[in-house]
C-alpha atoms as a PDB file:
ATOM      1  CA  MET A   1     -14.486   0.466 -24.668  1.00  0.00           C
ATOM      2  CA  ALA A   2     -11.969   3.146 -23.702  1.00  0.00           C
ATOM      3  CA  LEU A   3     -12.671   5.274 -20.669  1.00  0.00           C
ATOM      4  CA  LYS A   4     -13.084   8.978 -21.387  1.00  0.00           C
ATOM      5  CA  LEU A   5     -10.555   9.612 -18.635  1.00  0.00           C
ATOM      6  CA  GLU A   6      -7.827   7.977 -20.725  1.00  0.00           C
ATOM      7  CA  SER A   7      -7.351  11.171 -22.728  1.00  0.00           C
ATOM      8  CA  HIS A   8      -6.169  12.810 -19.474  1.00  0.00           C
ATOM      9  CA  ILE A   9      -3.186  10.453 -19.227  1.00  0.00           C
ATOM     10  CA  GLU A  10       0.193  11.602 -20.517  1.00  0.00           C
ATOM     11  CA  ARG A  11       1.716   8.111 -20.559  1.00  0.00           C
ATOM     12  CA  VAL A  12       1.159   4.669 -19.057  1.00  0.00           C
ATOM     13  CA  LEU A  13       3.883   3.540 -16.634  1.00  0.00           C
ATOM     14  CA  TRP A  14       2.618   0.028 -15.811  1.00  0.00           C
ATOM     15  CA  ASP A  15      -0.134  -1.858 -17.645  1.00  0.00           C
ATOM     16  CA  GLN A  16      -2.515  -4.496 -16.293  1.00  0.00           C
ATOM     17  CA  HIS A  17      -0.220  -7.417 -17.118  1.00  0.00           C
ATOM     18  CA  GLN A  18       2.837  -5.862 -15.468  1.00  0.00           C
ATOM     19  CA  ILE A  19       0.760  -5.012 -12.389  1.00  0.00           C
ATOM     20  CA  SER A  20      -0.735  -8.505 -12.135  1.00  0.00           C
ATOM     21  CA  ARG A  21       2.667 -10.181 -12.437  1.00  0.00           C
ATOM     22  CA  ARG A  22       4.279  -7.928  -9.812  1.00  0.00           C
ATOM     23  CA  VAL A  23       1.390  -8.338  -7.334  1.00  0.00           C
ATOM     24  CA  SER A  24       1.685 -12.128  -7.663  1.00  0.00           C
ATOM     25  CA  GLU A  25       5.424 -11.901  -6.938  1.00  0.00           C
ATOM     26  CA  LEU A  26       4.825  -9.773  -3.830  1.00  0.00           C
ATOM     27  CA  ALA A  27       2.123 -12.171  -2.585  1.00  0.00           C
ATOM     28  CA  SER A  28       4.476 -15.130  -3.060  1.00  0.00           C
ATOM     29  CA  GLN A  29       7.193 -13.359  -1.089  1.00  0.00           C
ATOM     30  CA  ILE A  30       4.788 -12.535   1.764  1.00  0.00           C
ATOM     31  CA  SER A  31       3.455 -16.125   1.766  1.00  0.00           C
ATOM     32  CA  ALA A  32       7.021 -17.452   2.029  1.00  0.00           C
ATOM     33  CA  ASP A  33       8.080 -14.958   4.712  1.00  0.00           C
ATOM     34  CA  PHE A  34       5.057 -15.455   6.953  1.00  0.00           C
ATOM     35  CA  GLY A  35       4.299 -19.111   6.252  1.00  0.00           C
ATOM     36  CA  GLY A  36       7.024 -20.555   8.454  1.00  0.00           C
ATOM     37  CA  ALA A  37       9.025 -23.628   7.575  1.00  0.00           C
ATOM     38  CA  ALA A  38       6.763 -26.518   6.585  1.00  0.00           C
ATOM     39  CA  ASN A  39       9.194 -29.112   7.976  1.00  0.00           C
ATOM     40  CA  SER A  40       9.998 -27.192  11.136  1.00  0.00           C
ATOM     41  CA  ASP A  41       9.163 -28.574  14.597  1.00  0.00           C
ATOM     42  CA  SER A  42       8.267 -25.087  15.801  1.00  0.00           C
ATOM     43  CA  PRO A  43       4.692 -23.892  15.369  1.00  0.00           C
ATOM     44  CA  PRO A  44       4.029 -21.604  12.401  1.00  0.00           C
ATOM     45  CA  PRO A  45       3.867 -17.892  13.154  1.00  0.00           C
ATOM     46  CA  PRO A  46       0.396 -16.460  13.762  1.00  0.00           C
ATOM     47  CA  PRO A  47      -1.354 -15.318  10.587  1.00  0.00           C
ATOM     48  CA  PRO A  48      -0.576 -11.721   9.653  1.00  0.00           C
ATOM     49  CA  VAL A  49      -3.151  -8.942   9.605  1.00  0.00           C
ATOM     50  CA  LEU A  50      -3.139  -7.010   6.337  1.00  0.00           C
ATOM     51  CA  VAL A  51      -4.203  -3.422   6.885  1.00  0.00           C
ATOM     52  CA  GLY A  52      -5.119  -1.471   3.777  1.00  0.00           C
ATOM     53  CA  VAL A  53      -4.597   2.267   3.892  1.00  0.00           C
ATOM     54  CA  ALA A  54      -7.858   3.572   2.461  1.00  0.00           C
ATOM     55  CA  THR A  55      -8.818   4.521  -0.102  1.00  0.00           C
ATOM     56  CA  GLY A  56      -5.959   4.366  -2.573  1.00  0.00           C
ATOM     57  CA  ALA A  57      -4.799   0.849  -1.703  1.00  0.00           C
ATOM     58  CA  PHE A  58      -8.142  -0.924  -2.100  1.00  0.00           C
ATOM     59  CA  LEU A  59      -7.473  -2.479  -5.527  1.00  0.00           C
ATOM     60  CA  PHE A  60      -3.893  -3.426  -4.668  1.00  0.00           C
ATOM     61  CA  LEU A  61      -5.017  -4.930  -1.354  1.00  0.00           C
ATOM     62  CA  ALA A  62      -7.797  -6.939  -3.030  1.00  0.00           C
ATOM     63  CA  ASP A  63      -5.430  -8.381  -5.652  1.00  0.00           C
ATOM     64  CA  LEU A  64      -2.694  -9.010  -3.083  1.00  0.00           C
ATOM     65  CA  VAL A  65      -4.854 -10.939  -0.585  1.00  0.00           C
ATOM     66  CA  ARG A  66      -6.315 -13.128  -3.325  1.00  0.00           C
ATOM     67  CA  ASN A  67      -2.768 -14.253  -4.129  1.00  0.00           C
ATOM     68  CA  ILE A  68      -1.511 -14.854  -0.577  1.00  0.00           C
ATOM     69  CA  ASP A  69      -1.483 -18.535   0.326  1.00  0.00           C
ATOM     70  CA  LEU A  70      -1.942 -18.112   4.106  1.00  0.00           C
ATOM     71  CA  PRO A  71      -4.735 -17.624   6.603  1.00  0.00           C
ATOM     72  CA  ILE A  72      -4.905 -13.839   7.006  1.00  0.00           C
ATOM     73  CA  SER A  73      -7.095 -11.136   8.504  1.00  0.00           C
ATOM     74  CA  VAL A  74      -7.890  -7.921   6.652  1.00  0.00           C
ATOM     75  CA  ASP A  75      -8.820  -4.486   7.936  1.00  0.00           C
ATOM     76  CA  PHE A  76      -8.561  -0.844   6.904  1.00  0.00           C
ATOM     77  CA  VAL A  77      -7.353   2.438   8.301  1.00  0.00           C
ATOM     78  CA  ARG A  78      -7.849   5.813   6.728  1.00  0.00           C
ATOM     79  CA  ALA A  79      -5.119   8.404   7.048  1.00  0.00           C
ATOM     80  CA  ASP A  80      -5.738  11.588   5.112  1.00  0.00           C
ATOM     81  CA  SER A  81      -2.698  13.581   4.039  1.00  0.00           C
ATOM     82  CA  TYR A  82      -3.422  14.794   0.494  1.00  0.00           C
ATOM     83  CA  GLY A  83      -6.972  16.162   0.633  1.00  0.00           C
ATOM     84  CA  SER A  84      -7.762  17.129  -2.957  1.00  0.00           C
ATOM     85  CA  GLY A  85      -4.218  18.292  -3.707  1.00  0.00           C
ATOM     86  CA  THR A  86      -1.222  16.638  -5.330  1.00  0.00           C
ATOM     87  CA  ILE A  87       1.335  17.134  -2.554  1.00  0.00           C
ATOM     88  CA  SER A  88       1.224  15.441   0.829  1.00  0.00           C
ATOM     89  CA  ALA A  89       0.353  17.879   3.605  1.00  0.00           C
ATOM     90  CA  GLY A  90       2.844  15.990   5.758  1.00  0.00           C
ATOM     91  CA  ALA A  91       0.628  15.712   8.838  1.00  0.00           C
ATOM     92  CA  PRO A  92      -1.808  12.842   8.252  1.00  0.00           C
ATOM     93  CA  LYS A  93      -4.985  12.563  10.299  1.00  0.00           C
ATOM     94  CA  LEU A  94      -6.403   9.165  11.223  1.00  0.00           C
ATOM     95  CA  SER A  95     -10.097   9.292  10.318  1.00  0.00           C
ATOM     96  CA  LEU A  96     -10.838   5.538  10.402  1.00  0.00           C
ATOM     97  CA  ASP A  97      -9.222   3.150  12.859  1.00  0.00           C
ATOM     98  CA  LEU A  98      -8.925  -0.644  12.960  1.00  0.00           C
ATOM     99  CA  LYS A  99     -11.643  -3.015  14.130  1.00  0.00           C
ATOM    100  CA  VAL A 100      -9.300  -6.027  14.344  1.00  0.00           C
ATOM    101  CA  ASP A 101      -7.245  -6.389  17.530  1.00  0.00           C
ATOM    102  CA  VAL A 102      -3.575  -6.411  16.467  1.00  0.00           C
ATOM    103  CA  LYS A 103      -2.040  -6.956  19.909  1.00  0.00           C
ATOM    104  CA  GLY A 104       0.783  -9.496  19.618  1.00  0.00           C
ATOM    105  CA  LYS A 105       0.203  -9.921  15.861  1.00  0.00           C
ATOM    106  CA  HIS A 106       2.233  -9.315  12.729  1.00  0.00           C
ATOM    107  CA  VAL A 107       0.748  -6.452  10.730  1.00  0.00           C
ATOM    108  CA  ILE A 108       1.409  -5.685   7.074  1.00  0.00           C
ATOM    109  CA  LEU A 109       0.444  -2.126   6.141  1.00  0.00           C
ATOM    110  CA  VAL A 110      -0.656  -2.108   2.502  1.00  0.00           C
ATOM    111  CA  GLU A 111      -0.182   1.248   0.770  1.00  0.00           C
ATOM    112  CA  ASP A 112      -0.802   2.451  -2.767  1.00  0.00           C
ATOM    113  CA  ILE A 113       2.227   4.754  -2.765  1.00  0.00           C
ATOM    114  CA  VAL A 114       4.921   5.776  -0.303  1.00  0.00           C
ATOM    115  CA  ASP A 115       5.816   9.390  -0.910  1.00  0.00           C
ATOM    116  CA  THR A 116       7.154  11.563   1.933  1.00  0.00           C
ATOM    117  CA  GLY A 117       6.938   8.722   4.477  1.00  0.00           C
ATOM    118  CA  SER A 118       4.931  10.835   6.948  1.00  0.00           C
ATOM    119  CA  THR A 119       1.766   8.740   6.769  1.00  0.00           C
ATOM    120  CA  LEU A 120       3.640   5.466   7.203  1.00  0.00           C
ATOM    121  CA  SER A 121       5.681   6.785  10.100  1.00  0.00           C
ATOM    122  CA  CYS A 122       2.485   7.834  11.910  1.00  0.00           C
ATOM    123  CA  LEU A 123       0.705   4.558  11.150  1.00  0.00           C
ATOM    124  CA  ILE A 124       3.633   2.414  12.318  1.00  0.00           C
ATOM    125  CA  ALA A 125       3.757   4.384  15.587  1.00  0.00           C
ATOM    126  CA  HIS A 126      -0.035   4.011  15.931  1.00  0.00           C
ATOM    127  CA  LEU A 127       0.145   0.226  15.444  1.00  0.00           C
ATOM    128  CA  GLU A 128       2.974   0.022  17.962  1.00  0.00           C
ATOM    129  CA  THR A 129       0.714   1.673  20.577  1.00  0.00           C
ATOM    130  CA  LYS A 130      -1.897  -0.998  19.777  1.00  0.00           C
ATOM    131  CA  GLY A 131       0.621  -3.720  20.640  1.00  0.00           C
ATOM    132  CA  ALA A 132       1.509  -5.107  17.206  1.00  0.00           C
ATOM    133  CA  SER A 133       4.516  -7.416  17.508  1.00  0.00           C
ATOM    134  CA  SER A 134       5.825  -6.336  14.106  1.00  0.00           C
ATOM    135  CA  VAL A 135       4.783  -4.008  11.315  1.00  0.00           C
ATOM    136  CA  SER A 136       5.818  -4.605   7.711  1.00  0.00           C
ATOM    137  CA  VAL A 137       5.021  -2.298   4.816  1.00  0.00           C
ATOM    138  CA  CYS A 138       3.869  -3.471   1.395  1.00  0.00           C
ATOM    139  CA  THR A 139       3.531  -0.595  -1.019  1.00  0.00           C
ATOM    140  CA  PHE A 140       2.498  -0.827  -4.641  1.00  0.00           C
ATOM    141  CA  LEU A 141       4.638   2.188  -5.578  1.00  0.00           C
ATOM    142  CA  ASP A 142       7.649   3.688  -3.847  1.00  0.00           C
ATOM    143  CA  LYS A 143       8.731   7.253  -4.589  1.00  0.00           C
ATOM    144  CA  PRO A 144      12.037   7.564  -2.671  1.00  0.00           C
ATOM    145  CA  THR A 145      12.979  10.915  -4.271  1.00  0.00           C
ATOM    146  CA  ARG A 146      10.163  12.549  -2.259  1.00  0.00           C
ATOM    147  CA  ARG A 147      11.046  10.969   1.100  1.00  0.00           C
ATOM    148  CA  LYS A 148      11.177  13.359   4.052  1.00  0.00           C
ATOM    149  CA  VAL A 149      10.590  10.913   6.908  1.00  0.00           C
ATOM    150  CA  HIS A 150      12.719   7.773   7.007  1.00  0.00           C
ATOM    151  CA  PHE A 151      10.342   5.305   8.651  1.00  0.00           C
ATOM    152  CA  GLN A 152      11.419   1.953  10.059  1.00  0.00           C
ATOM    153  CA  PRO A 153       9.303  -1.218  10.043  1.00  0.00           C
ATOM    154  CA  LEU A 154       8.577  -2.388  13.595  1.00  0.00           C
ATOM    155  CA  GLY A 155      10.264  -5.440  15.109  1.00  0.00           C
ATOM    156  CA  GLN A 156      11.013  -8.054  12.450  1.00  0.00           C
ATOM    157  CA  GLY A 157       8.949  -6.134   9.891  1.00  0.00           C
ATOM    158  CA  LYS A 158      10.010  -5.911   6.245  1.00  0.00           C
ATOM    159  CA  PHE A 159       9.579  -3.437   3.398  1.00  0.00           C
ATOM    160  CA  TYR A 160       8.002  -4.803   0.209  1.00  0.00           C
ATOM    161  CA  LYS A 161       7.600  -2.625  -2.871  1.00  0.00           C
ATOM    162  CA  GLY A 162       6.008  -3.235  -6.213  1.00  0.00           C
ATOM    163  CA  PHE A 163       7.622  -0.610  -8.421  1.00  0.00           C
ATOM    164  CA  GLU A 164       9.853   2.412  -7.927  1.00  0.00           C
ATOM    165  CA  CYS A 165       7.910   5.416  -9.170  1.00  0.00           C
ATOM    166  CA  PRO A 166       9.367   8.455 -10.941  1.00  0.00           C
ATOM    167  CA  ASP A 167       8.576  11.853  -9.457  1.00  0.00           C
ATOM    168  CA  ASN A 168       5.378  12.353 -11.450  1.00  0.00           C
ATOM    169  CA  PHE A 169       1.783  12.633 -10.302  1.00  0.00           C
ATOM    170  CA  VAL A 170       0.316   9.210 -11.049  1.00  0.00           C
ATOM    171  CA  VAL A 171      -3.243   7.893 -11.058  1.00  0.00           C
ATOM    172  CA  GLY A 172      -5.055   4.644 -11.760  1.00  0.00           C
ATOM    173  CA  TYR A 173      -5.242   1.237 -10.087  1.00  0.00           C
ATOM    174  CA  GLY A 174      -6.905   2.786  -7.047  1.00  0.00           C
ATOM    175  CA  MET A 175      -4.935   6.047  -6.999  1.00  0.00           C
ATOM    176  CA  ASP A 176      -6.791   9.264  -7.608  1.00  0.00           C
ATOM    177  CA  PHE A 177      -6.782  12.969  -8.102  1.00  0.00           C
ATOM    178  CA  ALA A 178      -9.803  14.561  -6.374  1.00  0.00           C
ATOM    179  CA  GLU A 179     -11.437  11.072  -6.216  1.00  0.00           C
ATOM    180  CA  LEU A 180     -11.221  10.523 -10.003  1.00  0.00           C
ATOM    181  CA  TYR A 181      -9.151   8.016 -12.036  1.00  0.00           C
ATOM    182  CA  ARG A 182      -9.181   5.213  -9.417  1.00  0.00           C
ATOM    183  CA  ASN A 183     -10.926   2.914 -11.915  1.00  0.00           C
ATOM    184  CA  LEU A 184      -8.222   3.046 -14.596  1.00  0.00           C
ATOM    185  CA  PRO A 185      -6.806  -0.499 -14.875  1.00  0.00           C
ATOM    186  CA  TYR A 186      -3.215   0.724 -15.255  1.00  0.00           C
ATOM    187  CA  VAL A 187      -0.977   3.364 -13.651  1.00  0.00           C
ATOM    188  CA  GLY A 188      -0.367   6.476 -15.694  1.00  0.00           C
ATOM    189  CA  VAL A 189       1.016   9.979 -15.412  1.00  0.00           C
ATOM    190  CA  LEU A 190      -1.757  12.557 -15.226  1.00  0.00           C
ATOM    191  CA  LYS A 191      -1.413  15.468 -17.664  1.00  0.00           C
ATOM    192  CA  PRO A 192      -0.592  18.616 -15.649  1.00  0.00           C
ATOM    193  CA  GLU A 193      -3.522  20.578 -17.086  1.00  0.00           C
ATOM    194  CA  TYR A 194      -5.896  18.264 -15.204  1.00  0.00           C
ATOM    195  CA  TYR A 195      -4.488  18.938 -11.742  1.00  0.00           C
ATOM    196  CA  LYS A 196      -2.909  22.417 -11.885  1.00  0.00           C
END
């Protein structure tokens, strides 16, 4: 049964199968990078902590962690920068902090979309103050044309991205406009009449 919200979508950018395949690839890369060498005499690195940036990343995070072949911890932060608009306000506020202690640990920030870079820059700095030994970023979508803040992963952190996103307002697979459309199983471009 089609969702009534589907008529609000101009075009689909990535369908369920493309998303599933790409998430599996990202999880494999993370598993390889953080698993350590199986034949090495040195002890494996401590398990990473995956930190989902609520609420947009919840579906991506859930699919990602189910595909990672490592012992991991999971937590959430909430950094609000959009409100009910379509453009990042640029000054995110942390409204939910971690429960897991990240001191001396490798953290992977899991984002739905990296846009201006302001939220990530603030979150990386925040995790550094909490003593994380490294901070990597794993984003489902990257929108480099909108970048205003050029963030750097912390320590030996890496930058993982699912897809490069055109400069359109996209929804679905956890991403919303005014809390709607998160439940669409694909990523699509929202028709302008529904957000202008």
